[in-house]
Amino acid sequence: MKALKAAEAAKRLEEKKQKEQEKRKAAAKAERERLKQEKELKQKLEEEQKKKRELDAAAKKRQREEGE
């Protein structure tokens, strides 16, 4: 009887460990995905700012050329 209870307890403990491991793995995956999306958004914003600066510079250059 004691061996059976010990085996059941060991099985429950192993299942608990497995569930915890799965939770940690899912949390790590979610964090990687969040960081990936954050990086993509940052790159997109930087590209948009670069394009805006280039357009502003081109507009200023045209104004200077027209003013001459």
N, C-alpha and C. Protein backbone atom coordinates (compact mmCIF):
# COMPACT_ATOMS: atom_id res chain seq x y z
N MET A 1 0.82 -1.19 0.00
CA MET A 1 0.00 0.00 0.00
C MET A 1 0.86 1.26 0.00
N LYS A 2 1.92 1.24 0.83
CA LYS A 2 2.79 2.41 0.90
C LYS A 2 3.49 2.65 -0.43
N ALA A 3 3.87 1.59 -1.09
CA ALA A 3 4.56 1.71 -2.39
C ALA A 3 3.63 2.34 -3.42
N LEU A 4 2.36 1.95 -3.37
CA LEU A 4 1.38 2.50 -4.30
C LEU A 4 1.20 4.00 -4.06
N LYS A 5 1.06 4.39 -2.81
CA LYS A 5 0.90 5.81 -2.47
C LYS A 5 2.15 6.60 -2.87
N ALA A 6 3.32 6.02 -2.66
CA ALA A 6 4.56 6.69 -3.04
C ALA A 6 4.64 6.85 -4.55
N ALA A 7 4.21 5.83 -5.28
CA ALA A 7 4.23 5.89 -6.74
C ALA A 7 3.26 6.95 -7.24
N GLU A 8 2.07 7.01 -6.63
CA GLU A 8 1.09 8.02 -7.01
C GLU A 8 1.61 9.42 -6.70
N ALA A 9 2.23 9.60 -5.56
CA ALA A 9 2.79 10.90 -5.19
C ALA A 9 3.90 11.30 -6.16
N ALA A 10 4.74 10.37 -6.53
CA ALA A 10 5.82 10.65 -7.48
C ALA A 10 5.24 11.04 -8.84
N LYS A 11 4.17 10.34 -9.23
CA LYS A 11 3.52 10.64 -10.51
C LYS A 11 2.93 12.05 -10.49
N ARG A 12 2.26 12.42 -9.39
CA ARG A 12 1.68 13.76 -9.27
C ARG A 12 2.77 14.83 -9.29
N LEU A 13 3.86 14.56 -8.62
CA LEU A 13 4.97 15.50 -8.58
C LEU A 13 5.56 15.70 -9.97
N GLU A 14 5.73 14.62 -10.70
CA GLU A 14 6.26 14.68 -12.06
C GLU A 14 5.32 15.47 -12.97
N GLU A 15 4.01 15.23 -12.83
CA GLU A 15 3.03 15.96 -13.63
C GLU A 15 3.08 17.45 -13.30
N LYS A 16 3.22 17.77 -12.02
CA LYS A 16 3.30 19.17 -11.61
C LYS A 16 4.54 19.84 -12.20
N LYS A 17 5.66 19.13 -12.16
CA LYS A 17 6.91 19.67 -12.73
C LYS A 17 6.74 19.90 -14.23
N GLN A 18 6.09 18.96 -14.88
CA GLN A 18 5.89 19.06 -16.33
C GLN A 18 5.01 20.26 -16.67
N LYS A 19 3.95 20.46 -15.91
CA LYS A 19 3.06 21.61 -16.14
C LYS A 19 3.80 22.92 -15.92
N GLU A 20 4.61 22.98 -14.88
CA GLU A 20 5.40 24.19 -14.61
C GLU A 20 6.37 24.47 -15.76
N GLN A 21 7.00 23.42 -16.25
CA GLN A 21 7.94 23.57 -17.35
C GLN A 21 7.21 24.09 -18.60
N GLU A 22 6.02 23.54 -18.87
CA GLU A 22 5.24 23.99 -20.01
C GLU A 22 4.82 25.45 -19.86
N LYS A 23 4.47 25.85 -18.63
CA LYS A 23 4.10 27.25 -18.38
C LYS A 23 5.28 28.18 -18.64
N ARG A 24 6.47 27.78 -18.14
CA ARG A 24 7.66 28.60 -18.36
C ARG A 24 8.00 28.71 -19.84
N LYS A 25 7.87 27.58 -20.54
CA LYS A 25 8.16 27.56 -21.97
C LYS A 25 7.19 28.47 -22.73
N ALA A 26 5.91 28.43 -22.39
CA ALA A 26 4.91 29.28 -23.04
C ALA A 26 5.18 30.75 -22.73
N ALA A 27 5.55 31.04 -21.50
CA ALA A 27 5.84 32.42 -21.12
C ALA A 27 7.06 32.94 -21.88
N ALA A 28 8.07 32.11 -22.02
CA ALA A 28 9.28 32.51 -22.76
C ALA A 28 8.95 32.75 -24.23
N LYS A 29 8.11 31.91 -24.79
CA LYS A 29 7.71 32.07 -26.19
C LYS A 29 6.93 33.37 -26.37
N ALA A 30 6.03 33.66 -25.46
CA ALA A 30 5.24 34.90 -25.53
C ALA A 30 6.16 36.12 -25.42
N GLU A 31 7.15 36.04 -24.55
CA GLU A 31 8.09 37.15 -24.38
C GLU A 31 8.92 37.36 -25.64
N ARG A 32 9.37 36.28 -26.26
CA ARG A 32 10.13 36.40 -27.52
C ARG A 32 9.28 37.05 -28.59
N GLU A 33 8.03 36.65 -28.68
CA GLU A 33 7.12 37.21 -29.69
C GLU A 33 6.88 38.70 -29.42
N ARG A 34 6.71 39.06 -28.15
CA ARG A 34 6.50 40.47 -27.81
C ARG A 34 7.73 41.31 -28.19
N LEU A 35 8.91 40.79 -27.89
CA LEU A 35 10.13 41.51 -28.23
C LEU A 35 10.29 41.64 -29.74
N LYS A 36 9.92 40.60 -30.47
CA LYS A 36 10.02 40.62 -31.93
C LYS A 36 9.10 41.71 -32.49
N GLN A 37 7.87 41.75 -32.00
CA GLN A 37 6.92 42.76 -32.48
C GLN A 37 7.39 44.16 -32.12
N GLU A 38 7.94 44.31 -30.92
CA GLU A 38 8.45 45.61 -30.48
C GLU A 38 9.60 46.07 -31.39
N LYS A 39 10.48 45.16 -31.73
CA LYS A 39 11.62 45.47 -32.60
C LYS A 39 11.14 45.87 -33.99
N GLU A 40 10.17 45.13 -34.53
CA GLU A 40 9.63 45.44 -35.85
C GLU A 40 8.98 46.81 -35.86
N LEU A 41 8.23 47.14 -34.82
CA LEU A 41 7.58 48.45 -34.73
C LEU A 41 8.63 49.56 -34.67
N LYS A 42 9.67 49.35 -33.89
CA LYS A 42 10.73 50.34 -33.76
C LYS A 42 11.41 50.57 -35.11
N GLN A 43 11.69 49.49 -35.84
CA GLN A 43 12.32 49.62 -37.15
C GLN A 43 11.41 50.38 -38.12
N LYS A 44 10.13 50.08 -38.07
CA LYS A 44 9.17 50.74 -38.96
C LYS A 44 9.14 52.25 -38.66
N LEU A 45 9.09 52.59 -37.39
CA LEU A 45 9.06 54.01 -37.01
C LEU A 45 10.35 54.72 -37.44
N GLU A 46 11.49 54.04 -37.28
CA GLU A 46 12.76 54.64 -37.68
C GLU A 46 12.81 54.86 -39.18
N GLU A 47 12.29 53.90 -39.96
CA GLU A 47 12.25 54.06 -41.41
C GLU A 47 11.36 55.23 -41.81
N GLU A 48 10.21 55.36 -41.15
CA GLU A 48 9.30 56.47 -41.45
C GLU A 48 9.96 57.81 -41.12
N GLN A 49 10.67 57.88 -40.00
CA GLN A 49 11.35 59.12 -39.62
C GLN A 49 12.45 59.45 -40.63
N LYS A 50 13.17 58.45 -41.09
CA LYS A 50 14.23 58.66 -42.07
C LYS A 50 13.65 59.20 -43.36
N LYS A 51 12.55 58.61 -43.83
CA LYS A 51 11.90 59.09 -45.05
C LYS A 51 11.44 60.53 -44.88
N LYS A 52 10.88 60.84 -43.72
CA LYS A 52 10.40 62.20 -43.47
C LYS A 52 11.56 63.19 -43.50
N ARG A 53 12.68 62.82 -42.87
CA ARG A 53 13.86 63.71 -42.89
C ARG A 53 14.36 63.92 -44.31
N GLU A 54 14.38 62.84 -45.08
CA GLU A 54 14.83 62.96 -46.47
C GLU A 54 13.91 63.85 -47.28
N LEU A 55 12.61 63.70 -47.10
CA LEU A 55 11.65 64.55 -47.81
C LEU A 55 11.78 66.01 -47.38
N ASP A 56 11.97 66.25 -46.09
CA ASP A 56 12.14 67.61 -45.59
C ASP A 56 13.41 68.23 -46.17
N ALA A 57 14.48 67.46 -46.22
CA ALA A 57 15.74 67.96 -46.77
C ALA A 57 15.58 68.30 -48.25
N ALA A 58 14.89 67.44 -48.99
CA ALA A 58 14.67 67.67 -50.42
C ALA A 58 13.81 68.93 -50.62
N ALA A 59 12.80 69.11 -49.78
CA ALA A 59 11.94 70.29 -49.89
C ALA A 59 12.73 71.56 -49.60
N LYS A 60 13.57 71.53 -48.59
CA LYS A 60 14.39 72.70 -48.27
C LYS A 60 15.35 73.01 -49.41
N LYS A 61 15.91 71.99 -50.00
CA LYS A 61 16.85 72.18 -51.11
C LYS A 61 16.13 72.83 -52.29
N ARG A 62 14.91 72.37 -52.59
CA ARG A 62 14.13 72.96 -53.67
C ARG A 62 13.83 74.42 -53.38
N GLN A 63 13.47 74.72 -52.13
CA GLN A 63 13.16 76.11 -51.78
C GLN A 63 14.38 77.00 -51.95
N ARG A 64 15.55 76.50 -51.54
CA ARG A 64 16.78 77.29 -51.70
C ARG A 64 17.07 77.53 -53.17
N GLU A 65 16.89 76.47 -54.00
CA GLU A 65 17.16 76.60 -55.43
C GLU A 65 16.18 77.56 -56.09
N GLU A 66 14.92 77.52 -55.66
CA GLU A 66 13.91 78.42 -56.25
C GLU A 66 14.14 79.87 -55.81
N GLY A 67 14.67 80.01 -54.62
CA GLY A 67 14.92 81.35 -54.07
C GLY A 67 16.09 82.04 -54.73
N GLU A 68 16.93 81.31 -55.36
CA GLU A 68 18.13 81.91 -55.97
C GLU A 68 17.85 82.56 -57.27
